Amino acid sequence: MGYDYLALKSLTLRGSVAGFGNQIGVGKESNICTVGDEEGNPLCLKLHRLGRVCFRNVKEKRDYHGKRHKMSWLYLSRISATREYAYMKALYDRGFPVPRPVDFNRHCVIMELVDGYPLTNVAEVGNVEQLYDDLMNLIVRLGNCGVIHGDSNEFNVMITEEDQRPILIYFPQMVSTSHPNAEMYFDRDVQGVRDRKSKTVSAL
């Protein structure tokens, strides 16, 4: 809680956060809450909490621990948040469908609150084939820019309420296409999209 306070105080002093809403999600590695900026616009606050997963799982899924054998969960959570913000900003600046990054401090990231639903909660869409093509094109486009999402599955894609566009979320695990296991990560992303396609029904 003390680390939360320090991060949120810094974000408040910078004017990035002016009000706090409700918790809207709890994952293995983060808490998700709604917050508001100084103009009253709703935003999303993500608090990275890698202490919920064991160190072995972190080593298997992340490459930013380097050769360290001992690391605090606060350190890992801070690095995770820093990477997520950096990747999200780079992708947003290049026109990728990702939440607009706002600010970050320590283990906390402030971003646009997407008006939509996680793909895992969507059983029916207007056009499954179009959604499938959009997701596959995103994976290829990322690869052409030299990066691989690394965990492109139904839990890490939002579908917008208005026009059912896919929005990529969750970026701490992204890797370069020069990574030794790049092909494995790329194939896993492709398979994640294929698996979800088989579970989704078209409304057309």
N, C-alpha and C. Protein backbone atom coordinates (compact mmCIF):
# COMPACT_ATOMS: atom_id res chain seq x y z
N MET A 1 0.82 -1.21 0.00
CA MET A 1 0.00 0.00 0.00
C MET A 1 0.86 1.26 0.00
N GLY A 2 2.01 1.21 0.69
CA GLY A 2 2.89 2.37 0.72
C GLY A 2 3.41 2.73 -0.65
N TYR A 3 3.74 1.70 -1.46
CA TYR A 3 4.25 1.93 -2.81
C TYR A 3 3.14 2.50 -3.68
N ASP A 4 1.91 2.01 -3.49
CA ASP A 4 0.76 2.56 -4.20
C ASP A 4 0.61 4.05 -3.89
N TYR A 5 0.71 4.39 -2.62
CA TYR A 5 0.53 5.78 -2.19
C TYR A 5 1.57 6.69 -2.85
N LEU A 6 2.83 6.26 -2.86
CA LEU A 6 3.88 7.08 -3.44
C LEU A 6 3.64 7.32 -4.94
N ALA A 7 3.25 6.26 -5.64
CA ALA A 7 3.01 6.38 -7.08
C ALA A 7 1.81 7.27 -7.36
N LEU A 8 0.72 7.04 -6.66
CA LEU A 8 -0.50 7.81 -6.90
C LEU A 8 -0.34 9.27 -6.48
N LYS A 9 0.43 9.51 -5.43
CA LYS A 9 0.69 10.89 -5.03
C LYS A 9 1.46 11.63 -6.12
N SER A 10 2.46 10.97 -6.70
CA SER A 10 3.24 11.59 -7.77
C SER A 10 2.36 11.89 -8.98
N LEU A 11 1.50 10.94 -9.35
CA LEU A 11 0.61 11.13 -10.50
C LEU A 11 -0.40 12.24 -10.23
N THR A 12 -0.84 12.36 -8.98
CA THR A 12 -1.78 13.42 -8.62
C THR A 12 -1.11 14.79 -8.66
N LEU A 13 0.10 14.87 -8.15
CA LEU A 13 0.83 16.14 -8.15
C LEU A 13 1.13 16.60 -9.57
N ARG A 14 1.29 15.66 -10.49
CA ARG A 14 1.55 16.03 -11.89
C ARG A 14 0.27 16.39 -12.63
N GLY A 15 -0.88 16.19 -12.00
CA GLY A 15 -2.15 16.52 -12.63
C GLY A 15 -2.69 15.43 -13.52
N SER A 16 -2.07 14.26 -13.52
CA SER A 16 -2.54 13.16 -14.36
C SER A 16 -3.78 12.50 -13.78
N VAL A 17 -3.90 12.55 -12.46
CA VAL A 17 -5.04 11.95 -11.76
C VAL A 17 -5.61 12.97 -10.79
N ALA A 18 -6.94 13.11 -10.82
CA ALA A 18 -7.59 14.05 -9.90
C ALA A 18 -8.67 13.38 -9.06
N GLY A 19 -9.11 12.21 -9.48
CA GLY A 19 -10.16 11.50 -8.74
C GLY A 19 -10.06 10.01 -8.96
N PHE A 20 -10.60 9.26 -8.03
CA PHE A 20 -10.50 7.81 -8.09
C PHE A 20 -11.89 7.18 -8.12
N GLY A 21 -12.03 6.16 -8.98
CA GLY A 21 -13.31 5.48 -9.13
C GLY A 21 -13.29 4.09 -8.52
N ASN A 22 -13.76 3.12 -9.29
CA ASN A 22 -13.90 1.75 -8.79
C ASN A 22 -12.86 0.82 -9.40
N GLN A 23 -12.64 -0.28 -8.72
CA GLN A 23 -11.81 -1.34 -9.29
C GLN A 23 -12.65 -2.10 -10.30
N ILE A 24 -12.14 -2.27 -11.51
CA ILE A 24 -12.91 -2.92 -12.57
C ILE A 24 -12.29 -4.23 -13.02
N GLY A 25 -11.13 -4.57 -12.48
CA GLY A 25 -10.50 -5.82 -12.88
C GLY A 25 -9.37 -6.21 -11.96
N VAL A 26 -9.21 -7.52 -11.77
CA VAL A 26 -8.10 -8.06 -10.99
C VAL A 26 -7.51 -9.23 -11.76
N GLY A 27 -6.23 -9.14 -12.07
CA GLY A 27 -5.57 -10.22 -12.78
C GLY A 27 -4.46 -10.83 -11.96
N LYS A 28 -3.76 -11.78 -12.55
CA LYS A 28 -2.66 -12.42 -11.85
C LYS A 28 -1.51 -11.46 -11.61
N GLU A 29 -1.41 -10.43 -12.47
CA GLU A 29 -0.26 -9.55 -12.38
C GLU A 29 -0.62 -8.08 -12.22
N SER A 30 -1.90 -7.76 -12.04
CA SER A 30 -2.27 -6.34 -11.94
C SER A 30 -3.66 -6.15 -11.37
N ASN A 31 -3.91 -4.93 -10.90
CA ASN A 31 -5.24 -4.45 -10.55
C ASN A 31 -5.59 -3.34 -11.52
N ILE A 32 -6.86 -3.28 -11.95
CA ILE A 32 -7.32 -2.25 -12.88
C ILE A 32 -8.41 -1.44 -12.21
N CYS A 33 -8.26 -0.10 -12.23
CA CYS A 33 -9.24 0.79 -11.61
C CYS A 33 -9.56 1.93 -12.56
N THR A 34 -10.70 2.57 -12.32
CA THR A 34 -11.02 3.79 -13.06
C THR A 34 -10.58 5.00 -12.24
N VAL A 35 -10.10 6.01 -12.94
CA VAL A 35 -9.71 7.28 -12.31
C VAL A 35 -10.19 8.40 -13.22
N GLY A 36 -10.07 9.63 -12.76
CA GLY A 36 -10.46 10.77 -13.58
C GLY A 36 -9.35 11.81 -13.61
N ASP A 37 -9.25 12.53 -14.72
CA ASP A 37 -8.25 13.59 -14.80
C ASP A 37 -8.85 14.90 -14.27
N GLU A 38 -8.10 15.99 -14.40
CA GLU A 38 -8.55 17.27 -13.85
C GLU A 38 -9.77 17.84 -14.56
N GLU A 39 -10.03 17.37 -15.79
CA GLU A 39 -11.22 17.81 -16.53
C GLU A 39 -12.40 16.87 -16.31
N GLY A 40 -12.21 15.85 -15.50
CA GLY A 40 -13.28 14.90 -15.23
C GLY A 40 -13.39 13.78 -16.24
N ASN A 41 -12.43 13.67 -17.16
CA ASN A 41 -12.46 12.60 -18.14
C ASN A 41 -12.07 11.27 -17.50
N PRO A 42 -12.80 10.18 -17.80
CA PRO A 42 -12.46 8.88 -17.22
C PRO A 42 -11.20 8.30 -17.84
N LEU A 43 -10.36 7.72 -17.00
CA LEU A 43 -9.13 7.08 -17.45
C LEU A 43 -9.01 5.73 -16.76
N CYS A 44 -8.04 4.97 -17.19
CA CYS A 44 -7.79 3.65 -16.63
C CYS A 44 -6.46 3.66 -15.88
N LEU A 45 -6.47 3.14 -14.67
CA LEU A 45 -5.26 3.01 -13.86
C LEU A 45 -4.91 1.54 -13.73
N LYS A 46 -3.71 1.18 -14.13
CA LYS A 46 -3.24 -0.20 -13.99
C LYS A 46 -2.10 -0.24 -12.99
N LEU A 47 -2.27 -1.03 -11.93
CA LEU A 47 -1.23 -1.20 -10.93
C LEU A 47 -0.59 -2.57 -11.12
N HIS A 48 0.64 -2.59 -11.55
CA HIS A 48 1.34 -3.86 -11.77
C HIS A 48 1.69 -4.50 -10.43
N ARG A 49 1.38 -5.79 -10.31
CA ARG A 49 1.63 -6.51 -9.06
C ARG A 49 2.19 -7.89 -9.38
N LEU A 50 3.45 -7.93 -9.76
CA LEU A 50 4.05 -9.21 -10.14
C LEU A 50 4.29 -10.12 -8.95
N GLY A 51 4.08 -9.64 -7.74
CA GLY A 51 4.24 -10.48 -6.57
C GLY A 51 3.24 -11.61 -6.47
N ARG A 52 2.20 -11.56 -7.32
CA ARG A 52 1.19 -12.62 -7.29
C ARG A 52 1.63 -13.87 -8.04
N VAL A 53 2.66 -13.73 -8.86
CA VAL A 53 3.13 -14.89 -9.62
C VAL A 53 4.50 -15.27 -9.11
N CYS A 54 4.84 -16.53 -9.25
CA CYS A 54 6.12 -16.99 -8.71
C CYS A 54 7.27 -16.52 -9.60
N PHE A 55 8.45 -16.47 -9.04
CA PHE A 55 9.62 -15.98 -9.76
C PHE A 55 9.91 -16.83 -10.99
N ARG A 56 9.67 -18.12 -10.91
CA ARG A 56 9.94 -19.00 -12.05
C ARG A 56 9.07 -18.61 -13.24
N ASN A 57 7.79 -18.31 -12.98
CA ASN A 57 6.90 -17.89 -14.06
C ASN A 57 7.34 -16.57 -14.67
N VAL A 58 7.82 -15.65 -13.83
CA VAL A 58 8.30 -14.37 -14.33
C VAL A 58 9.49 -14.59 -15.25
N LYS A 59 10.41 -15.45 -14.87
CA LYS A 59 11.59 -15.71 -15.69
C LYS A 59 11.21 -16.34 -17.02
N GLU A 60 10.16 -17.17 -17.03
CA GLU A 60 9.74 -17.83 -18.26
C GLU A 60 9.05 -16.86 -19.21
N LYS A 61 8.34 -15.88 -18.67
CA LYS A 61 7.54 -14.98 -19.50
C LYS A 61 8.19 -13.64 -19.78
N ARG A 62 9.21 -13.27 -19.03
CA ARG A 62 9.83 -11.96 -19.18
C ARG A 62 11.32 -12.12 -19.41
N ASP A 63 11.88 -11.17 -20.16
CA ASP A 63 13.32 -11.21 -20.42
C ASP A 63 14.03 -10.04 -19.79
N TYR A 64 13.35 -9.25 -18.94
CA TYR A 64 13.98 -8.06 -18.41
C TYR A 64 14.61 -8.26 -17.04
N HIS A 65 14.67 -9.49 -16.58
CA HIS A 65 15.36 -9.73 -15.32
C HIS A 65 16.86 -9.89 -15.52
N GLY A 66 17.28 -9.99 -16.81
CA GLY A 66 18.70 -10.12 -17.10
C GLY A 66 19.27 -11.36 -16.44
N LYS A 67 20.43 -11.22 -15.82
CA LYS A 67 21.06 -12.35 -15.15
C LYS A 67 20.87 -12.29 -13.64
N ARG A 68 19.96 -11.43 -13.20
CA ARG A 68 19.71 -11.32 -11.76
C ARG A 68 19.04 -12.59 -11.24
N HIS A 69 19.45 -13.03 -10.09
CA HIS A 69 18.83 -14.19 -9.47
C HIS A 69 17.90 -13.79 -8.33
N LYS A 70 18.12 -12.59 -7.79
CA LYS A 70 17.28 -12.11 -6.71
C LYS A 70 16.77 -10.71 -7.06
N MET A 71 15.46 -10.57 -7.05
CA MET A 71 14.83 -9.28 -7.36
C MET A 71 13.60 -9.11 -6.49
N SER A 72 13.34 -7.90 -6.06
CA SER A 72 12.13 -7.65 -5.28
C SER A 72 10.94 -7.55 -6.24
N TRP A 73 9.77 -7.85 -5.71
CA TRP A 73 8.58 -7.76 -6.54
C TRP A 73 8.28 -6.30 -6.89
N LEU A 74 8.68 -5.38 -6.04
CA LEU A 74 8.50 -3.96 -6.35
C LEU A 74 9.33 -3.58 -7.56
N TYR A 75 10.55 -4.09 -7.61
CA TYR A 75 11.43 -3.81 -8.75
C TYR A 75 10.83 -4.39 -10.03
N LEU A 76 10.40 -5.64 -9.97
CA LEU A 76 9.82 -6.28 -11.16
C LEU A 76 8.56 -5.56 -11.62
N SER A 77 7.73 -5.15 -10.68
CA SER A 77 6.50 -4.46 -11.04
C SER A 77 6.79 -3.10 -11.67
N ARG A 78 7.80 -2.42 -11.16
CA ARG A 78 8.18 -1.12 -11.73
C ARG A 78 8.71 -1.28 -13.15
N ILE A 79 9.56 -2.28 -13.36
CA ILE A 79 10.09 -2.52 -14.71
C ILE A 79 8.97 -2.91 -15.66
N SER A 80 8.04 -3.72 -15.19
CA SER A 80 6.91 -4.13 -16.01
C SER A 80 6.08 -2.93 -16.45
N ALA A 81 5.80 -2.02 -15.51
CA ALA A 81 5.02 -0.82 -15.84
C ALA A 81 5.78 0.10 -16.80
N THR A 82 7.07 0.24 -16.57
CA THR A 82 7.89 1.10 -17.44
C THR A 82 7.89 0.58 -18.87
N ARG A 83 8.05 -0.73 -19.01
CA ARG A 83 8.05 -1.33 -20.35
C ARG A 83 6.69 -1.19 -21.01
N GLU A 84 5.64 -1.44 -20.24
CA GLU A 84 4.31 -1.35 -20.82
C GLU A 84 4.03 0.06 -21.35
N TYR A 85 4.35 1.06 -20.56
CA TYR A 85 4.11 2.44 -20.99
C TYR A 85 4.94 2.77 -22.22
N ALA A 86 6.19 2.36 -22.23
CA ALA A 86 7.07 2.67 -23.36
C ALA A 86 6.57 2.03 -24.65
N TYR A 87 6.19 0.75 -24.58
CA TYR A 87 5.68 0.07 -25.78
C TYR A 87 4.35 0.67 -26.22
N MET A 88 3.48 0.94 -25.26
CA MET A 88 2.17 1.49 -25.60
C MET A 88 2.31 2.85 -26.29
N LYS A 89 3.20 3.69 -25.78
CA LYS A 89 3.41 5.00 -26.38
C LYS A 89 3.99 4.88 -27.79
N ALA A 90 4.97 3.99 -27.95
CA ALA A 90 5.58 3.80 -29.27
C ALA A 90 4.56 3.31 -30.28
N LEU A 91 3.70 2.39 -29.87
CA LEU A 91 2.68 1.86 -30.77
C LEU A 91 1.61 2.91 -31.06
N TYR A 92 1.20 3.64 -30.03
CA TYR A 92 0.18 4.68 -30.21
C TYR A 92 0.67 5.75 -31.17
N ASP A 93 1.91 6.16 -31.02
CA ASP A 93 2.49 7.19 -31.88
C ASP A 93 2.59 6.73 -33.33
N ARG A 94 2.60 5.42 -33.54
CA ARG A 94 2.68 4.86 -34.90
C ARG A 94 1.32 4.44 -35.43
N GLY A 95 0.27 4.82 -34.75
CA GLY A 95 -1.07 4.59 -35.26
C GLY A 95 -1.66 3.23 -34.98
N PHE A 96 -1.08 2.46 -34.08
CA PHE A 96 -1.63 1.15 -33.75
C PHE A 96 -2.86 1.32 -32.85
N PRO A 97 -3.81 0.38 -32.93
CA PRO A 97 -5.01 0.46 -32.08
C PRO A 97 -4.69 0.00 -30.65
N VAL A 98 -4.20 0.92 -29.85
CA VAL A 98 -3.89 0.66 -28.45
C VAL A 98 -4.46 1.81 -27.63
N PRO A 99 -4.65 1.64 -26.33
CA PRO A 99 -5.12 2.76 -25.51
C PRO A 99 -4.14 3.93 -25.55
N ARG A 100 -4.66 5.14 -25.47
CA ARG A 100 -3.78 6.31 -25.43
C ARG A 100 -3.05 6.36 -24.09
N PRO A 101 -1.72 6.32 -24.11
CA PRO A 101 -0.97 6.39 -22.85
C PRO A 101 -1.00 7.81 -22.29
N VAL A 102 -1.15 7.93 -20.98
CA VAL A 102 -1.24 9.24 -20.35
C VAL A 102 -0.03 9.53 -19.48
N ASP A 103 0.32 8.62 -18.59
CA ASP A 103 1.42 8.85 -17.66
C ASP A 103 1.75 7.55 -16.94
N PHE A 104 2.89 7.52 -16.26
CA PHE A 104 3.20 6.37 -15.40
C PHE A 104 4.13 6.83 -14.29
N ASN A 105 4.12 6.09 -13.21
CA ASN A 105 5.04 6.34 -12.11
C ASN A 105 5.19 5.05 -11.32
N ARG A 106 6.42 4.67 -11.09
CA ARG A 106 6.72 3.43 -10.37
C ARG A 106 6.00 2.25 -11.03
N HIS A 107 5.06 1.62 -10.36
CA HIS A 107 4.39 0.43 -10.89
C HIS A 107 3.00 0.74 -11.45
N CYS A 108 2.68 2.03 -11.60
CA CYS A 108 1.35 2.43 -12.05
C CYS A 108 1.39 3.04 -13.45
N VAL A 109 0.42 2.68 -14.27
CA VAL A 109 0.29 3.23 -15.63
C VAL A 109 -1.11 3.81 -15.79
N ILE A 110 -1.18 5.04 -16.29
CA ILE A 110 -2.46 5.69 -16.59
C ILE A 110 -2.64 5.69 -18.10
N MET A 111 -3.81 5.25 -18.54
CA MET A 111 -4.08 5.18 -19.97
C MET A 111 -5.55 5.50 -20.23
N GLU A 112 -5.86 5.65 -21.51
CA GLU A 112 -7.25 5.84 -21.94
C GLU A 112 -8.12 4.68 -21.46
N LEU A 113 -9.33 4.99 -21.05
CA LEU A 113 -10.30 3.96 -20.69
C LEU A 113 -11.06 3.56 -21.95
N VAL A 114 -10.82 2.36 -22.43
CA VAL A 114 -11.44 1.89 -23.67
C VAL A 114 -12.91 1.60 -23.43
N ASP A 115 -13.76 2.13 -24.30
CA ASP A 115 -15.20 1.88 -24.22
C ASP A 115 -15.49 0.58 -24.96
N GLY A 116 -15.40 -0.51 -24.24
CA GLY A 116 -15.61 -1.80 -24.86
C GLY A 116 -15.50 -2.93 -23.86
N TYR A 117 -15.25 -4.14 -24.38
CA TYR A 117 -15.22 -5.33 -23.55
C TYR A 117 -14.01 -6.19 -23.91
N PRO A 118 -13.49 -6.94 -22.95
CA PRO A 118 -12.44 -7.91 -23.28
C PRO A 118 -12.99 -8.94 -24.26
N LEU A 119 -12.19 -9.33 -25.22
CA LEU A 119 -12.64 -10.29 -26.22
C LEU A 119 -13.12 -11.59 -25.59
N THR A 120 -12.53 -11.96 -24.47
CA THR A 120 -12.94 -13.20 -23.81
C THR A 120 -14.39 -13.17 -23.35
N ASN A 121 -14.96 -11.96 -23.18
CA ASN A 121 -16.35 -11.82 -22.75
C ASN A 121 -17.31 -11.62 -23.91
N VAL A 122 -16.79 -11.62 -25.13
CA VAL A 122 -17.62 -11.38 -26.32
C VAL A 122 -17.88 -12.69 -27.03
N ALA A 123 -19.13 -13.13 -27.04
CA ALA A 123 -19.48 -14.40 -27.68
C ALA A 123 -19.95 -14.21 -29.11
N GLU A 124 -20.38 -12.98 -29.46
CA GLU A 124 -20.93 -12.72 -30.79
C GLU A 124 -20.48 -11.36 -31.28
N VAL A 125 -20.04 -11.29 -32.53
CA VAL A 125 -19.66 -10.03 -33.16
C VAL A 125 -20.35 -9.92 -34.50
N GLY A 126 -20.34 -8.71 -35.06
CA GLY A 126 -21.02 -8.50 -36.33
C GLY A 126 -20.42 -9.30 -37.47
N ASN A 127 -19.09 -9.42 -37.48
CA ASN A 127 -18.42 -10.11 -38.58
C ASN A 127 -17.16 -10.78 -38.05
N VAL A 128 -17.24 -12.07 -37.80
CA VAL A 128 -16.10 -12.81 -37.24
C VAL A 128 -14.91 -12.77 -38.18
N GLU A 129 -15.16 -12.93 -39.47
CA GLU A 129 -14.05 -12.98 -40.44
C GLU A 129 -13.29 -11.66 -40.47
N GLN A 130 -14.02 -10.54 -40.39
CA GLN A 130 -13.37 -9.23 -40.39
C GLN A 130 -12.53 -9.05 -39.14
N LEU A 131 -13.09 -9.45 -38.00
CA LEU A 131 -12.34 -9.35 -36.74
C LEU A 131 -11.09 -10.22 -36.79
N TYR A 132 -11.23 -11.42 -37.30
CA TYR A 132 -10.10 -12.35 -37.43
C TYR A 132 -9.02 -11.74 -38.33
N ASP A 133 -9.43 -11.17 -39.46
CA ASP A 133 -8.47 -10.54 -40.37
C ASP A 133 -7.78 -9.36 -39.71
N ASP A 134 -8.55 -8.55 -38.98
CA ASP A 134 -7.96 -7.39 -38.30
C ASP A 134 -6.89 -7.82 -37.30
N LEU A 135 -7.18 -8.87 -36.53
CA LEU A 135 -6.23 -9.33 -35.52
C LEU A 135 -4.99 -9.93 -36.16
N MET A 136 -5.17 -10.70 -37.21
CA MET A 136 -4.02 -11.29 -37.90
C MET A 136 -3.16 -10.20 -38.54
N ASN A 137 -3.81 -9.21 -39.12
CA ASN A 137 -3.07 -8.10 -39.73
C ASN A 137 -2.28 -7.32 -38.69
N LEU A 138 -2.84 -7.20 -37.49
CA LEU A 138 -2.13 -6.53 -36.41
C LEU A 138 -0.86 -7.27 -36.02
N ILE A 139 -0.95 -8.59 -35.94
CA ILE A 139 0.21 -9.40 -35.59
C ILE A 139 1.31 -9.22 -36.64
N VAL A 140 0.90 -9.26 -37.91
CA VAL A 140 1.87 -9.10 -39.00
C VAL A 140 2.45 -7.69 -39.01
N ARG A 141 1.60 -6.70 -38.79
CA ARG A 141 2.06 -5.30 -38.78
C ARG A 141 3.05 -5.06 -37.65
N LEU A 142 2.79 -5.63 -36.50
CA LEU A 142 3.75 -5.53 -35.39
C LEU A 142 5.09 -6.13 -35.79
N GLY A 143 5.02 -7.31 -36.41
CA GLY A 143 6.25 -7.96 -36.85
C GLY A 143 7.03 -7.13 -37.85
N ASN A 144 6.31 -6.47 -38.75
CA ASN A 144 6.98 -5.61 -39.73
C ASN A 144 7.65 -4.40 -39.07
N CYS A 145 7.17 -4.05 -37.87
CA CYS A 145 7.79 -2.95 -37.11
C CYS A 145 8.87 -3.45 -36.16
N GLY A 146 9.12 -4.75 -36.20
CA GLY A 146 10.22 -5.30 -35.42
C GLY A 146 9.88 -5.79 -34.03
N VAL A 147 8.58 -5.92 -33.72
CA VAL A 147 8.19 -6.39 -32.39
C VAL A 147 7.12 -7.47 -32.49
N ILE A 148 7.01 -8.26 -31.42
CA ILE A 148 6.01 -9.31 -31.31
C ILE A 148 5.28 -9.11 -29.99
N HIS A 149 3.95 -9.15 -30.03
CA HIS A 149 3.18 -8.90 -28.81
C HIS A 149 3.55 -9.90 -27.72
N GLY A 150 3.59 -11.17 -28.06
CA GLY A 150 4.03 -12.19 -27.12
C GLY A 150 2.94 -12.83 -26.31
N ASP A 151 1.75 -12.24 -26.28
CA ASP A 151 0.64 -12.82 -25.51
C ASP A 151 -0.69 -12.36 -26.09
N SER A 152 -0.81 -12.47 -27.40
CA SER A 152 -2.01 -12.00 -28.10
C SER A 152 -3.10 -13.05 -28.01
N ASN A 153 -3.91 -12.96 -26.97
CA ASN A 153 -5.00 -13.90 -26.79
C ASN A 153 -6.27 -13.14 -26.42
N GLU A 154 -7.34 -13.88 -26.15
CA GLU A 154 -8.65 -13.27 -25.91
C GLU A 154 -8.70 -12.39 -24.67
N PHE A 155 -7.74 -12.56 -23.76
CA PHE A 155 -7.73 -11.75 -22.54
C PHE A 155 -7.01 -10.41 -22.75
N ASN A 156 -6.24 -10.30 -23.81
CA ASN A 156 -5.42 -9.11 -24.04
C ASN A 156 -5.86 -8.31 -25.26
N VAL A 157 -7.11 -8.48 -25.65
CA VAL A 157 -7.71 -7.71 -26.74
C VAL A 157 -9.06 -7.18 -26.27
N MET A 158 -9.28 -5.88 -26.46
CA MET A 158 -10.58 -5.27 -26.17
C MET A 158 -11.33 -5.09 -27.48
N ILE A 159 -12.65 -5.22 -27.44
CA ILE A 159 -13.50 -4.96 -28.60
C ILE A 159 -14.34 -3.72 -28.29
N THR A 160 -14.22 -2.69 -29.13
CA THR A 160 -14.92 -1.43 -28.87
C THR A 160 -16.43 -1.61 -28.97
N GLU A 161 -17.14 -0.87 -28.13
CA GLU A 161 -18.60 -0.96 -28.07
C GLU A 161 -19.24 -0.45 -29.35
N GLU A 162 -18.72 0.65 -29.90
CA GLU A 162 -19.38 1.32 -31.02
C GLU A 162 -19.23 0.58 -32.35
N ASP A 163 -18.00 0.21 -32.69
CA ASP A 163 -17.79 -0.38 -34.02
C ASP A 163 -17.05 -1.71 -34.00
N GLN A 164 -16.91 -2.31 -32.83
CA GLN A 164 -16.31 -3.64 -32.69
C GLN A 164 -14.91 -3.74 -33.29
N ARG A 165 -14.12 -2.70 -33.04
CA ARG A 165 -12.72 -2.73 -33.45
C ARG A 165 -11.88 -3.37 -32.36
N PRO A 166 -10.85 -4.12 -32.73
CA PRO A 166 -9.96 -4.69 -31.72
C PRO A 166 -8.95 -3.65 -31.23
N ILE A 167 -8.75 -3.60 -29.92
CA ILE A 167 -7.76 -2.74 -29.29
C ILE A 167 -6.79 -3.62 -28.51
N LEU A 168 -5.53 -3.57 -28.85
CA LEU A 168 -4.54 -4.37 -28.14
C LEU A 168 -4.24 -3.76 -26.78
N ILE A 169 -4.16 -4.62 -25.77
CA ILE A 169 -3.76 -4.17 -24.44
C ILE A 169 -2.67 -5.11 -23.92
N TYR A 170 -2.05 -4.72 -22.83
CA TYR A 170 -1.08 -5.56 -22.11
C TYR A 170 0.21 -5.74 -22.92
N PHE A 171 1.24 -4.99 -22.54
CA PHE A 171 2.46 -4.96 -23.35
C PHE A 171 3.78 -5.29 -22.64
N PRO A 172 3.80 -5.63 -21.36
CA PRO A 172 5.10 -5.86 -20.70
C PRO A 172 5.91 -6.99 -21.29
N GLN A 173 5.24 -7.95 -21.95
CA GLN A 173 5.93 -9.15 -22.43
C GLN A 173 6.37 -9.03 -23.89
N MET A 174 6.19 -7.87 -24.51
CA MET A 174 6.58 -7.71 -25.91
C MET A 174 8.07 -7.94 -26.10
N VAL A 175 8.42 -8.54 -27.24
CA VAL A 175 9.82 -8.82 -27.53
C VAL A 175 10.15 -8.36 -28.95
N SER A 176 11.42 -8.23 -29.21
CA SER A 176 11.90 -7.88 -30.54
C SER A 176 11.85 -9.10 -31.45
N THR A 177 11.73 -8.85 -32.75
CA THR A 177 11.77 -9.96 -33.71
C THR A 177 13.16 -10.60 -33.77
N SER A 178 14.13 -9.98 -33.14
CA SER A 178 15.47 -10.57 -33.08
C SER A 178 15.66 -11.43 -31.83
N HIS A 179 14.63 -11.54 -31.01
CA HIS A 179 14.69 -12.37 -29.80
C HIS A 179 14.93 -13.83 -30.19
N PRO A 180 15.72 -14.56 -29.42
CA PRO A 180 16.00 -15.97 -29.75
C PRO A 180 14.75 -16.83 -29.91
N ASN A 181 13.68 -16.49 -29.18
CA ASN A 181 12.44 -17.27 -29.26
C ASN A 181 11.34 -16.53 -30.03
N ALA A 182 11.73 -15.62 -30.90
CA ALA A 182 10.76 -14.79 -31.62
C ALA A 182 9.76 -15.63 -32.41
N GLU A 183 10.22 -16.66 -33.10
CA GLU A 183 9.32 -17.48 -33.91
C GLU A 183 8.27 -18.17 -33.04
N MET A 184 8.69 -18.65 -31.89
CA MET A 184 7.76 -19.32 -30.97
C MET A 184 6.70 -18.34 -30.48
N TYR A 185 7.13 -17.12 -30.11
CA TYR A 185 6.17 -16.12 -29.63
C TYR A 185 5.21 -15.70 -30.73
N PHE A 186 5.73 -15.54 -31.95
CA PHE A 186 4.88 -15.16 -33.08
C PHE A 186 3.84 -16.24 -33.35
N ASP A 187 4.29 -17.49 -33.41
CA ASP A 187 3.36 -18.59 -33.67
C ASP A 187 2.31 -18.70 -32.57
N ARG A 188 2.71 -18.42 -31.34
CA ARG A 188 1.76 -18.49 -30.23
C ARG A 188 0.70 -17.40 -30.35
N ASP A 189 1.11 -16.21 -30.80
CA ASP A 189 0.14 -15.13 -31.02
C ASP A 189 -0.87 -15.52 -32.10
N VAL A 190 -0.37 -16.09 -33.18
CA VAL A 190 -1.25 -16.52 -34.27
C VAL A 190 -2.23 -17.58 -33.78
N GLN A 191 -1.74 -18.54 -33.02
CA GLN A 191 -2.60 -19.60 -32.51
C GLN A 191 -3.64 -19.05 -31.54
N GLY A 192 -3.26 -18.04 -30.76
CA GLY A 192 -4.20 -17.43 -29.84
C GLY A 192 -5.39 -16.82 -30.56
N VAL A 193 -5.14 -16.19 -31.70
CA VAL A 193 -6.22 -15.61 -32.50
C VAL A 193 -7.08 -16.71 -33.11
N ARG A 194 -6.44 -17.75 -33.61
CA ARG A 194 -7.19 -18.87 -34.20
C ARG A 194 -8.09 -19.54 -33.17
N ASP A 195 -7.57 -19.72 -31.98
CA ASP A 195 -8.36 -20.37 -30.93
C ASP A 195 -9.60 -19.56 -30.60
N ARG A 196 -9.44 -18.23 -30.54
CA ARG A 196 -10.59 -17.40 -30.20
C ARG A 196 -11.61 -17.36 -31.32
N LYS A 197 -11.16 -17.41 -32.56
CA LYS A 197 -12.08 -17.37 -33.69
C LYS A 197 -13.08 -18.52 -33.62
N SER A 198 -12.61 -19.68 -33.19
CA SER A 198 -13.47 -20.86 -33.13
C SER A 198 -14.55 -20.74 -32.05
N LYS A 199 -14.37 -19.79 -31.11
CA LYS A 199 -15.32 -19.63 -30.01
C LYS A 199 -16.31 -18.49 -30.25
N THR A 200 -16.09 -17.70 -31.30
CA THR A 200 -16.89 -16.50 -31.53
C THR A 200 -17.88 -16.72 -32.67
N VAL A 201 -19.10 -16.27 -32.48
CA VAL A 201 -20.17 -16.43 -33.46
C VAL A 201 -20.40 -15.11 -34.18
N SER A 202 -20.66 -15.18 -35.49
CA SER A 202 -20.97 -13.98 -36.26
C SER A 202 -22.46 -13.69 -36.19
N ALA A 203 -22.79 -12.40 -36.03
CA ALA A 203 -24.20 -12.00 -35.96
C ALA A 203 -24.78 -11.76 -37.34
N LEU A 204 -23.94 -11.82 -38.37
CA LEU A 204 -24.43 -11.56 -39.73
C LEU A 204 -25.21 -12.76 -40.26
